[in-house]
All heavy atoms as atom14 arrays in JSON, in Angstrom:
{
  "sequence": "TVNSQISNPGYLVDEKGEINIHHLGYIRVEGLTLKELKLKLEKDLQP",
  "atom14_mask": [
    [1, 1, 1, 1, 1, 1, 1, 0, 0, 0, 0, 0, 0, 0],
    [1, 1, 1, 1, 1, 1, 1, 0, 0, 0, 0, 0, 0, 0],
    [1, 1, 1, 1, 1, 1, 1, 1, 0, 0, 0, 0, 0, 0],
    [1, 1, 1, 1, 1, 1, 0, 0, 0, 0, 0, 0, 0, 0],
    [1, 1, 1, 1, 1, 1, 1, 1, 1, 0, 0, 0, 0, 0],
    [1, 1, 1, 1, 1, 1, 1, 1, 0, 0, 0, 0, 0, 0],
    [1, 1, 1, 1, 1, 1, 0, 0, 0, 0, 0, 0, 0, 0],
    [1, 1, 1, 1, 1, 1, 1, 1, 0, 0, 0, 0, 0, 0],
    [1, 1, 1, 1, 1, 1, 1, 0, 0, 0, 0, 0, 0, 0],
    [1, 1, 1, 1, 0, 0, 0, 0, 0, 0, 0, 0, 0, 0],
    [1, 1, 1, 1, 1, 1, 1, 1, 1, 1, 1, 1, 0, 0],
    [1, 1, 1, 1, 1, 1, 1, 1, 0, 0, 0, 0, 0, 0],
    [1, 1, 1, 1, 1, 1, 1, 0, 0, 0, 0, 0, 0, 0],
    [1, 1, 1, 1, 1, 1, 1, 1, 0, 0, 0, 0, 0, 0],
    [1, 1, 1, 1, 1, 1, 1, 1, 1, 0, 0, 0, 0, 0],
    [1, 1, 1, 1, 1, 1, 1, 1, 1, 0, 0, 0, 0, 0],
    [1, 1, 1, 1, 0, 0, 0, 0, 0, 0, 0, 0, 0, 0],
    [1, 1, 1, 1, 1, 1, 1, 1, 1, 0, 0, 0, 0, 0],
    [1, 1, 1, 1, 1, 1, 1, 1, 0, 0, 0, 0, 0, 0],
    [1, 1, 1, 1, 1, 1, 1, 1, 0, 0, 0, 0, 0, 0],
    [1, 1, 1, 1, 1, 1, 1, 1, 0, 0, 0, 0, 0, 0],
    [1, 1, 1, 1, 1, 1, 1, 1, 1, 1, 0, 0, 0, 0],
    [1, 1, 1, 1, 1, 1, 1, 1, 1, 1, 0, 0, 0, 0],
    [1, 1, 1, 1, 1, 1, 1, 1, 0, 0, 0, 0, 0, 0],
    [1, 1, 1, 1, 0, 0, 0, 0, 0, 0, 0, 0, 0, 0],
    [1, 1, 1, 1, 1, 1, 1, 1, 1, 1, 1, 1, 0, 0],
    [1, 1, 1, 1, 1, 1, 1, 1, 0, 0, 0, 0, 0, 0],
    [1, 1, 1, 1, 1, 1, 1, 1, 1, 1, 1, 0, 0, 0],
    [1, 1, 1, 1, 1, 1, 1, 0, 0, 0, 0, 0, 0, 0],
    [1, 1, 1, 1, 1, 1, 1, 1, 1, 0, 0, 0, 0, 0],
    [1, 1, 1, 1, 0, 0, 0, 0, 0, 0, 0, 0, 0, 0],
    [1, 1, 1, 1, 1, 1, 1, 1, 0, 0, 0, 0, 0, 0],
    [1, 1, 1, 1, 1, 1, 1, 0, 0, 0, 0, 0, 0, 0],
    [1, 1, 1, 1, 1, 1, 1, 1, 0, 0, 0, 0, 0, 0],
    [1, 1, 1, 1, 1, 1, 1, 1, 1, 0, 0, 0, 0, 0],
    [1, 1, 1, 1, 1, 1, 1, 1, 1, 0, 0, 0, 0, 0],
    [1, 1, 1, 1, 1, 1, 1, 1, 0, 0, 0, 0, 0, 0],
    [1, 1, 1, 1, 1, 1, 1, 1, 1, 0, 0, 0, 0, 0],
    [1, 1, 1, 1, 1, 1, 1, 1, 0, 0, 0, 0, 0, 0],
    [1, 1, 1, 1, 1, 1, 1, 1, 1, 0, 0, 0, 0, 0],
    [1, 1, 1, 1, 1, 1, 1, 1, 0, 0, 0, 0, 0, 0],
    [1, 1, 1, 1, 1, 1, 1, 1, 1, 0, 0, 0, 0, 0],
    [1, 1, 1, 1, 1, 1, 1, 1, 1, 0, 0, 0, 0, 0],
    [1, 1, 1, 1, 1, 1, 1, 1, 0, 0, 0, 0, 0, 0],
    [1, 1, 1, 1, 1, 1, 1, 1, 0, 0, 0, 0, 0, 0],
    [1, 1, 1, 1, 1, 1, 1, 1, 1, 0, 0, 0, 0, 0],
    [1, 1, 1, 1, 1, 1, 1, 0, 0, 0, 0, 0, 0, 0]
  ],
  "atom14_positions": [
    [[-121.72, 71.44, 39.99], [-121.86, 70.01, 40.29], [-122.78, 69.76, 41.47], [-123.06, 68.62, 41.79], [-120.49, 69.38, 40.61], [-119.96, 69.98, 41.79], [-119.53, 69.58, 39.46], [0.0, 0.0, 0.0], [0.0, 0.0, 0.0], [0.0, 0.0, 0.0], [0.0, 0.0, 0.0], [0.0, 0.0, 0.0], [0.0, 0.0, 0.0], [0.0, 0.0, 0.0]],
    [[-123.23, 70.82, 42.13], [-124.08, 70.64, 43.29], [-125.36, 71.43, 43.1], [-125.58, 72.07, 42.08], [-123.36, 71.09, 44.59], [-122.18, 70.19, 44.86], [-122.9, 72.54, 44.48], [0.0, 0.0, 0.0], [0.0, 0.0, 0.0], [0.0, 0.0, 0.0], [0.0, 0.0, 0.0], [0.0, 0.0, 0.0], [0.0, 0.0, 0.0], [0.0, 0.0, 0.0]],
    [[-126.21, 71.39, 44.09], [-127.5, 72.05, 44.02], [-127.35, 73.53, 43.75], [-126.64, 74.24, 44.46], [-128.25, 71.83, 45.35], [-129.71, 72.18, 45.24], [-130.1, 73.15, 44.6], [-130.54, 71.36, 45.87], [0.0, 0.0, 0.0], [0.0, 0.0, 0.0], [0.0, 0.0, 0.0], [0.0, 0.0, 0.0], [0.0, 0.0, 0.0], [0.0, 0.0, 0.0]],
    [[-128.02, 74.02, 42.73], [-127.88, 75.42, 42.35], [-128.45, 76.37, 43.38], [-128.2, 77.57, 43.33], [-128.58, 75.66, 41.0], [-129.96, 75.34, 41.1], [0.0, 0.0, 0.0], [0.0, 0.0, 0.0], [0.0, 0.0, 0.0], [0.0, 0.0, 0.0], [0.0, 0.0, 0.0], [0.0, 0.0, 0.0], [0.0, 0.0, 0.0], [0.0, 0.0, 0.0]],
    [[-129.24, 75.85, 44.33], [-129.8, 76.7, 45.37], [-128.78, 77.07, 46.43], [-129.01, 77.97, 47.24], [-130.99, 75.99, 46.04], [-132.16, 75.75, 45.1], [-133.29, 75.01, 45.79], [-133.16, 74.53, 46.9], [-134.42, 74.93, 45.13], [0.0, 0.0, 0.0], [0.0, 0.0, 0.0], [0.0, 0.0, 0.0], [0.0, 0.0, 0.0], [0.0, 0.0, 0.0]],
    [[-127.65, 76.38, 46.46], [-126.63, 76.67, 47.46], [-125.87, 77.92, 47.03], [-125.32, 77.99, 45.94], [-125.66, 75.49, 47.61], [-126.43, 74.27, 48.14], [-124.52, 75.83, 48.55], [-125.6, 73.01, 48.21], [0.0, 0.0, 0.0], [0.0, 0.0, 0.0], [0.0, 0.0, 0.0], [0.0, 0.0, 0.0], [0.0, 0.0, 0.0], [0.0, 0.0, 0.0]],
    [[-125.84, 78.92, 47.91], [-125.24, 80.2, 47.56], [-123.84, 80.38, 48.13], [-123.13, 81.29, 47.75], [-126.15, 81.35, 48.05], [-126.32, 81.27, 49.45], [0.0, 0.0, 0.0], [0.0, 0.0, 0.0], [0.0, 0.0, 0.0], [0.0, 0.0, 0.0], [0.0, 0.0, 0.0], [0.0, 0.0, 0.0], [0.0, 0.0, 0.0], [0.0, 0.0, 0.0]],
    [[-123.44, 79.55, 49.1], [-122.1, 79.7, 49.68], [-121.03, 79.39, 48.64], [-121.22, 78.55, 47.78], [-121.92, 78.74, 50.86], [-122.64, 79.24, 52.1], [-123.2, 80.31, 52.1], [-122.6, 78.45, 53.14], [0.0, 0.0, 0.0], [0.0, 0.0, 0.0], [0.0, 0.0, 0.0], [0.0, 0.0, 0.0], [0.0, 0.0, 0.0], [0.0, 0.0, 0.0]],
    [[-119.9, 80.09, 48.72], [-118.79, 79.74, 47.84], [-118.36, 78.29, 48.06], [-118.39, 77.79, 49.17], [-117.68, 80.71, 48.27], [-118.38, 81.83, 48.95], [-119.58, 81.22, 49.6], [0.0, 0.0, 0.0], [0.0, 0.0, 0.0], [0.0, 0.0, 0.0], [0.0, 0.0, 0.0], [0.0, 0.0, 0.0], [0.0, 0.0, 0.0], [0.0, 0.0, 0.0]],
    [[-118.01, 77.62, 46.97], [-117.57, 76.24, 47.08], [-116.07, 76.14, 46.85], [-115.56, 76.58, 45.82], [0.0, 0.0, 0.0], [0.0, 0.0, 0.0], [0.0, 0.0, 0.0], [0.0, 0.0, 0.0], [0.0, 0.0, 0.0], [0.0, 0.0, 0.0], [0.0, 0.0, 0.0], [0.0, 0.0, 0.0], [0.0, 0.0, 0.0], [0.0, 0.0, 0.0]],
    [[-115.35, 75.57, 47.78], [-113.91, 75.41, 47.69], [-113.59, 73.94, 47.47], [-113.88, 73.09, 48.32], [-113.22, 75.92, 48.96], [-113.35, 77.42, 49.14], [-114.46, 77.98, 49.76], [-112.36, 78.28, 48.67], [-114.59, 79.34, 49.92], [-112.46, 79.66, 48.83], [-113.58, 80.19, 49.45], [-113.71, 81.55, 49.61], [0.0, 0.0, 0.0], [0.0, 0.0, 0.0]],
    [[-113.0, 73.63, 46.33], [-112.64, 72.27, 45.99], [-111.31, 71.9, 46.64], [-110.3, 72.59, 46.47], [-112.54, 72.12, 44.48], [-112.1, 70.75, 43.96], [-113.15, 69.69, 44.3], [-111.86, 70.81, 42.45], [0.0, 0.0, 0.0], [0.0, 0.0, 0.0], [0.0, 0.0, 0.0], [0.0, 0.0, 0.0], [0.0, 0.0, 0.0], [0.0, 0.0, 0.0]],
    [[-111.31, 70.8, 47.39], [-110.08, 70.31, 48.01], [-109.25, 69.64, 46.92], [-109.68, 68.65, 46.33], [-110.38, 69.32, 49.15], [-109.09, 68.87, 49.81], [-111.31, 69.97, 50.18], [0.0, 0.0, 0.0], [0.0, 0.0, 0.0], [0.0, 0.0, 0.0], [0.0, 0.0, 0.0], [0.0, 0.0, 0.0], [0.0, 0.0, 0.0], [0.0, 0.0, 0.0]],
    [[-108.05, 70.18, 46.64], [-107.26, 69.7, 45.52], [-106.49, 68.42, 45.88], [-106.64, 67.86, 46.97], [-106.31, 70.8, 45.01], [-105.27, 71.22, 46.05], [-105.0, 70.44, 46.99], [-104.71, 72.33, 45.92], [0.0, 0.0, 0.0], [0.0, 0.0, 0.0], [0.0, 0.0, 0.0], [0.0, 0.0, 0.0], [0.0, 0.0, 0.0], [0.0, 0.0, 0.0]],
    [[-105.67, 67.97, 44.94], [-104.93, 66.73, 45.11], [-103.89, 66.8, 46.24], [-103.42, 65.77, 46.72], [-104.25, 66.34, 43.8], [-105.22, 65.93, 42.69], [-106.09, 64.75, 43.07], [-105.56, 63.82, 43.72], [-107.29, 64.76, 42.74], [0.0, 0.0, 0.0], [0.0, 0.0, 0.0], [0.0, 0.0, 0.0], [0.0, 0.0, 0.0], [0.0, 0.0, 0.0]],
    [[-103.55, 68.0, 46.64], [-102.63, 68.17, 47.77], [-103.36, 68.27, 49.1], [-102.74, 68.43, 50.15], [-101.77, 69.42, 47.56], [-100.84, 69.35, 46.36], [-100.02, 70.63, 46.25], [-99.09, 70.58, 45.04], [-98.3, 71.85, 44.92], [0.0, 0.0, 0.0], [0.0, 0.0, 0.0], [0.0, 0.0, 0.0], [0.0, 0.0, 0.0], [0.0, 0.0, 0.0]],
    [[-104.7, 68.21, 49.05], [-105.49, 68.34, 50.27], [-105.63, 69.78, 50.72], [-105.88, 70.04, 51.9], [0.0, 0.0, 0.0], [0.0, 0.0, 0.0], [0.0, 0.0, 0.0], [0.0, 0.0, 0.0], [0.0, 0.0, 0.0], [0.0, 0.0, 0.0], [0.0, 0.0, 0.0], [0.0, 0.0, 0.0], [0.0, 0.0, 0.0], [0.0, 0.0, 0.0]],
    [[-105.53, 70.72, 49.77], [-105.55, 72.15, 50.1], [-106.69, 72.87, 49.4], [-107.24, 72.39, 48.4], [-104.22, 72.8, 49.69], [-103.0, 72.23, 50.39], [-101.7, 72.83, 49.88], [-101.7, 73.39, 48.75], [-100.69, 72.75, 50.6], [0.0, 0.0, 0.0], [0.0, 0.0, 0.0], [0.0, 0.0, 0.0], [0.0, 0.0, 0.0], [0.0, 0.0, 0.0]],
    [[-107.05, 74.02, 49.96], [-107.97, 74.94, 49.29], [-107.31, 76.32, 49.25], [-106.46, 76.64, 50.09], [-109.34, 75.03, 50.0], [-109.17, 75.46, 51.47], [-110.09, 73.71, 49.91], [-110.49, 75.65, 52.19], [0.0, 0.0, 0.0], [0.0, 0.0, 0.0], [0.0, 0.0, 0.0], [0.0, 0.0, 0.0], [0.0, 0.0, 0.0], [0.0, 0.0, 0.0]],
    [[-107.7, 77.1, 48.28], [-107.13, 78.44, 48.1], [-108.11, 79.47, 48.64], [-109.16, 79.72, 48.05], [-106.84, 78.69, 46.62], [-106.05, 79.97, 46.4], [-105.58, 80.6, 47.36], [-105.9, 80.36, 45.14], [0.0, 0.0, 0.0], [0.0, 0.0, 0.0], [0.0, 0.0, 0.0], [0.0, 0.0, 0.0], [0.0, 0.0, 0.0], [0.0, 0.0, 0.0]],
    [[-107.77, 80.07, 49.79], [-108.66, 81.0, 50.5], [-108.2, 82.43, 50.29], [-107.01, 82.74, 50.37], [-108.68, 80.68, 52.01], [-109.3, 79.3, 52.25], [-109.44, 81.73, 52.79], [-110.79, 79.28, 52.14], [0.0, 0.0, 0.0], [0.0, 0.0, 0.0], [0.0, 0.0, 0.0], [0.0, 0.0, 0.0], [0.0, 0.0, 0.0], [0.0, 0.0, 0.0]],
    [[-109.17, 83.32, 50.03], [-108.88, 84.74, 49.92], [-108.18, 85.24, 51.19], [-108.58, 84.9, 52.29], [-110.2, 85.5, 49.71], [-110.05, 86.93, 49.35], [-109.34, 87.35, 48.25], [-110.53, 88.05, 49.95], [-109.38, 88.66, 48.17], [-110.09, 89.12, 49.2], [0.0, 0.0, 0.0], [0.0, 0.0, 0.0], [0.0, 0.0, 0.0], [0.0, 0.0, 0.0]],
    [[-107.13, 86.02, 51.05], [-106.27, 86.53, 52.13], [-105.26, 85.49, 52.6], [-104.1, 85.82, 52.84], [-107.07, 87.0, 53.35], [-107.88, 88.22, 53.11], [-107.36, 89.37, 52.55], [-109.18, 88.5, 53.38], [-108.31, 90.29, 52.48], [-109.43, 89.78, 52.96], [0.0, 0.0, 0.0], [0.0, 0.0, 0.0], [0.0, 0.0, 0.0], [0.0, 0.0, 0.0]],
    [[-105.68, 84.23, 52.74], [-104.82, 83.23, 53.38], [-104.01, 82.41, 52.38], [-103.02, 81.78, 52.76], [-105.67, 82.28, 54.23], [-106.52, 82.93, 55.32], [-107.3, 81.85, 56.07], [-105.65, 83.74, 56.28], [0.0, 0.0, 0.0], [0.0, 0.0, 0.0], [0.0, 0.0, 0.0], [0.0, 0.0, 0.0], [0.0, 0.0, 0.0], [0.0, 0.0, 0.0]],
    [[-104.43, 82.39, 51.12], [-103.74, 81.56, 50.14], [-104.08, 80.09, 50.32], [-105.17, 79.74, 50.8], [0.0, 0.0, 0.0], [0.0, 0.0, 0.0], [0.0, 0.0, 0.0], [0.0, 0.0, 0.0], [0.0, 0.0, 0.0], [0.0, 0.0, 0.0], [0.0, 0.0, 0.0], [0.0, 0.0, 0.0], [0.0, 0.0, 0.0], [0.0, 0.0, 0.0]],
    [[-103.15, 79.21, 49.96], [-103.4, 77.78, 50.06], [-103.22, 77.31, 51.5], [-102.19, 77.56, 52.12], [-102.45, 77.01, 49.14], [-102.83, 77.1, 47.68], [-102.27, 78.09, 46.86], [-103.75, 76.21, 47.12], [-102.63, 78.18, 45.52], [-104.11, 76.3, 45.79], [-103.56, 77.29, 45.0], [-103.92, 77.38, 43.68], [0.0, 0.0, 0.0], [0.0, 0.0, 0.0]],
    [[-104.23, 76.65, 52.03], [-104.14, 76.07, 53.37], [-104.55, 74.61, 53.3], [-105.41, 74.22, 52.49], [-105.01, 76.81, 54.39], [-106.5, 76.7, 54.01], [-104.61, 78.27, 54.52], [-107.42, 77.22, 55.1], [0.0, 0.0, 0.0], [0.0, 0.0, 0.0], [0.0, 0.0, 0.0], [0.0, 0.0, 0.0], [0.0, 0.0, 0.0], [0.0, 0.0, 0.0]],
    [[-103.93, 73.8, 54.12], [-104.22, 72.36, 54.12], [-105.44, 72.09, 54.99], [-105.5, 72.49, 56.15], [-103.02, 71.57, 54.63], [-103.22, 70.06, 54.55], [-101.94, 69.29, 54.84], [-102.14, 67.86, 54.72], [-102.16, 67.2, 53.57], [-101.98, 67.85, 52.44], [-102.35, 65.89, 53.55], [0.0, 0.0, 0.0], [0.0, 0.0, 0.0], [0.0, 0.0, 0.0]],
    [[-106.43, 71.41, 54.39], [-107.66, 71.11, 55.12], [-107.92, 69.61, 55.2], [-108.77, 69.18, 55.99], [-108.87, 71.82, 54.47], [-108.69, 73.33, 54.51], [-109.07, 71.34, 53.03], [0.0, 0.0, 0.0], [0.0, 0.0, 0.0], [0.0, 0.0, 0.0], [0.0, 0.0, 0.0], [0.0, 0.0, 0.0], [0.0, 0.0, 0.0], [0.0, 0.0, 0.0]],
    [[-107.24, 68.82, 54.39], [-107.46, 67.38, 54.41], [-107.16, 66.83, 55.81], [-106.15, 67.16, 56.42], [-106.57, 66.68, 53.4], [-106.81, 65.18, 53.31], [-105.87, 64.5, 52.34], [-104.87, 65.13, 51.93], [-106.14, 63.33, 51.99], [0.0, 0.0, 0.0], [0.0, 0.0, 0.0], [0.0, 0.0, 0.0], [0.0, 0.0, 0.0], [0.0, 0.0, 0.0]],
    [[-108.07, 66.01, 56.33], [-107.89, 65.43, 57.65], [-108.54, 66.21, 58.76], [-108.64, 65.72, 59.89], [0.0, 0.0, 0.0], [0.0, 0.0, 0.0], [0.0, 0.0, 0.0], [0.0, 0.0, 0.0], [0.0, 0.0, 0.0], [0.0, 0.0, 0.0], [0.0, 0.0, 0.0], [0.0, 0.0, 0.0], [0.0, 0.0, 0.0], [0.0, 0.0, 0.0]],
    [[-109.0, 67.43, 58.47], [-109.7, 68.22, 59.47], [-111.19, 67.9, 59.45], [-111.74, 67.5, 58.42], [-109.51, 69.72, 59.21], [-108.09, 70.29, 59.25], [-108.11, 71.78, 58.93], [-107.44, 70.05, 60.6], [0.0, 0.0, 0.0], [0.0, 0.0, 0.0], [0.0, 0.0, 0.0], [0.0, 0.0, 0.0], [0.0, 0.0, 0.0], [0.0, 0.0, 0.0]],
    [[-111.85, 68.09, 60.57], [-113.31, 68.05, 60.59], [-113.82, 69.44, 60.24], [-113.06, 70.42, 60.22], [-113.84, 67.65, 61.97], [-113.52, 68.67, 62.92], [-113.24, 66.32, 62.42], [0.0, 0.0, 0.0], [0.0, 0.0, 0.0], [0.0, 0.0, 0.0], [0.0, 0.0, 0.0], [0.0, 0.0, 0.0], [0.0, 0.0, 0.0], [0.0, 0.0, 0.0]],
    [[-115.12, 69.55, 59.96], [-115.7, 70.86, 59.67], [-115.51, 71.81, 60.85], [-115.24, 73.01, 60.67], [-117.17, 70.73, 59.32], [-117.51, 70.01, 58.01], [-119.02, 70.01, 57.79], [-116.8, 70.63, 56.82], [0.0, 0.0, 0.0], [0.0, 0.0, 0.0], [0.0, 0.0, 0.0], [0.0, 0.0, 0.0], [0.0, 0.0, 0.0], [0.0, 0.0, 0.0]],
    [[-115.67, 71.28, 62.05], [-115.53, 72.13, 63.25], [-114.09, 72.63, 63.38], [-113.85, 73.81, 63.71], [-115.93, 71.34, 64.49], [-115.9, 72.16, 65.78], [-116.27, 71.31, 66.98], [-117.69, 70.81, 66.87], [-118.1, 70.02, 68.08], [0.0, 0.0, 0.0], [0.0, 0.0, 0.0], [0.0, 0.0, 0.0], [0.0, 0.0, 0.0], [0.0, 0.0, 0.0]],
    [[-113.13, 71.75, 63.12], [-111.72, 72.15, 63.21], [-111.38, 73.2, 62.16], [-110.64, 74.15, 62.44], [-110.82, 70.92, 63.06], [-110.88, 69.97, 64.26], [-110.2, 68.64, 64.0], [-109.98, 68.31, 62.82], [-109.89, 67.93, 64.98], [0.0, 0.0, 0.0], [0.0, 0.0, 0.0], [0.0, 0.0, 0.0], [0.0, 0.0, 0.0], [0.0, 0.0, 0.0]],
    [[-111.93, 73.03, 60.95], [-111.69, 74.01, 59.9], [-112.31, 75.36, 60.26], [-111.7, 76.42, 60.03], [-112.24, 73.51, 58.57], [-112.1, 74.47, 57.39], [-110.64, 74.85, 57.15], [-112.73, 73.87, 56.13], [0.0, 0.0, 0.0], [0.0, 0.0, 0.0], [0.0, 0.0, 0.0], [0.0, 0.0, 0.0], [0.0, 0.0, 0.0], [0.0, 0.0, 0.0]],
    [[-113.49, 75.34, 60.82], [-114.16, 76.57, 61.24], [-113.28, 77.34, 62.24], [-113.04, 78.55, 62.09], [-115.51, 76.23, 61.87], [-116.15, 77.37, 62.67], [-117.4, 76.88, 63.38], [-117.86, 77.86, 64.44], [-118.3, 79.15, 63.86], [0.0, 0.0, 0.0], [0.0, 0.0, 0.0], [0.0, 0.0, 0.0], [0.0, 0.0, 0.0], [0.0, 0.0, 0.0]],
    [[-112.79, 76.65, 63.26], [-111.97, 77.31, 64.29], [-110.66, 77.82, 63.69], [-110.19, 78.91, 64.05], [-111.7, 76.33, 65.43], [-112.93, 75.88, 66.23], [-112.54, 74.83, 67.26], [-113.61, 77.06, 66.91], [0.0, 0.0, 0.0], [0.0, 0.0, 0.0], [0.0, 0.0, 0.0], [0.0, 0.0, 0.0], [0.0, 0.0, 0.0], [0.0, 0.0, 0.0]],
    [[-110.08, 77.05, 62.79], [-108.82, 77.46, 62.17], [-109.01, 78.74, 61.35], [-108.21, 79.69, 61.44], [-108.29, 76.34, 61.27], [-107.04, 76.71, 60.47], [-106.55, 75.54, 59.65], [-105.4, 75.97, 58.72], [-104.27, 76.57, 59.47], [0.0, 0.0, 0.0], [0.0, 0.0, 0.0], [0.0, 0.0, 0.0], [0.0, 0.0, 0.0], [0.0, 0.0, 0.0]],
    [[-110.07, 78.79, 60.55], [-110.32, 79.96, 59.72], [-110.63, 81.19, 60.55], [-110.16, 82.3, 60.24], [-111.46, 79.68, 58.74], [-111.17, 78.65, 57.64], [-112.42, 78.41, 56.8], [-110.02, 79.11, 56.76], [0.0, 0.0, 0.0], [0.0, 0.0, 0.0], [0.0, 0.0, 0.0], [0.0, 0.0, 0.0], [0.0, 0.0, 0.0], [0.0, 0.0, 0.0]],
    [[-111.41, 81.02, 61.61], [-111.71, 82.17, 62.48], [-110.44, 82.74, 63.1], [-110.29, 83.96, 63.24], [-112.71, 81.75, 63.55], [-114.11, 81.53, 63.02], [-115.11, 81.07, 64.07], [-114.65, 80.63, 65.15], [-116.31, 81.13, 63.8], [0.0, 0.0, 0.0], [0.0, 0.0, 0.0], [0.0, 0.0, 0.0], [0.0, 0.0, 0.0], [0.0, 0.0, 0.0]],
    [[-109.52, 81.86, 63.44], [-108.25, 82.32, 64.02], [-107.36, 82.98, 62.96], [-106.8, 84.07, 63.18], [-107.52, 81.14, 64.65], [-106.17, 81.5, 65.26], [-105.48, 80.27, 65.84], [-104.1, 80.62, 66.39], [-103.41, 79.41, 66.95], [0.0, 0.0, 0.0], [0.0, 0.0, 0.0], [0.0, 0.0, 0.0], [0.0, 0.0, 0.0], [0.0, 0.0, 0.0]],
    [[-107.23, 82.33, 61.8], [-106.33, 82.83, 60.76], [-106.82, 84.12, 60.11], [-106.02, 84.9, 59.56], [-106.14, 81.76, 59.68], [-105.37, 80.53, 60.19], [-104.83, 80.62, 61.33], [-105.34, 79.52, 59.48], [0.0, 0.0, 0.0], [0.0, 0.0, 0.0], [0.0, 0.0, 0.0], [0.0, 0.0, 0.0], [0.0, 0.0, 0.0], [0.0, 0.0, 0.0]],
    [[-108.14, 84.37, 60.14], [-108.69, 85.56, 59.5], [-108.71, 86.78, 60.42], [-109.05, 87.88, 59.97], [-110.1, 85.27, 58.99], [-110.21, 84.37, 57.75], [-111.66, 84.01, 57.48], [-109.59, 85.05, 56.53], [0.0, 0.0, 0.0], [0.0, 0.0, 0.0], [0.0, 0.0, 0.0], [0.0, 0.0, 0.0], [0.0, 0.0, 0.0], [0.0, 0.0, 0.0]],
    [[-108.39, 86.62, 61.67], [-108.44, 87.74, 62.61], [-107.57, 88.93, 62.21], [-107.96, 90.08, 62.41], [-108.08, 87.26, 64.02], [-109.2, 86.48, 64.68], [-108.85, 86.0, 66.07], [-107.74, 86.23, 66.55], [-109.78, 85.32, 66.72], [0.0, 0.0, 0.0], [0.0, 0.0, 0.0], [0.0, 0.0, 0.0], [0.0, 0.0, 0.0], [0.0, 0.0, 0.0]],
    [[-106.39, 88.71, 61.59], [-105.6, 89.88, 61.16], [-106.27, 90.68, 60.03], [-105.93, 91.84, 59.81], [-104.29, 89.26, 60.66], [-104.2, 87.94, 61.34], [-105.62, 87.46, 61.43], [0.0, 0.0, 0.0], [0.0, 0.0, 0.0], [0.0, 0.0, 0.0], [0.0, 0.0, 0.0], [0.0, 0.0, 0.0], [0.0, 0.0, 0.0], [0.0, 0.0, 0.0]]
  ]
}
């Protein structure tokens, strides 16, 4: 549905406001800014 030149994985925010992330499972992202999501993922992926 988006530009085919984009190579990053695309995560669709579902009706619950969540995305399914490898290692982390479903996490709620609705209401976060991109910067807040970045910091959250960097913290949660450290293990």
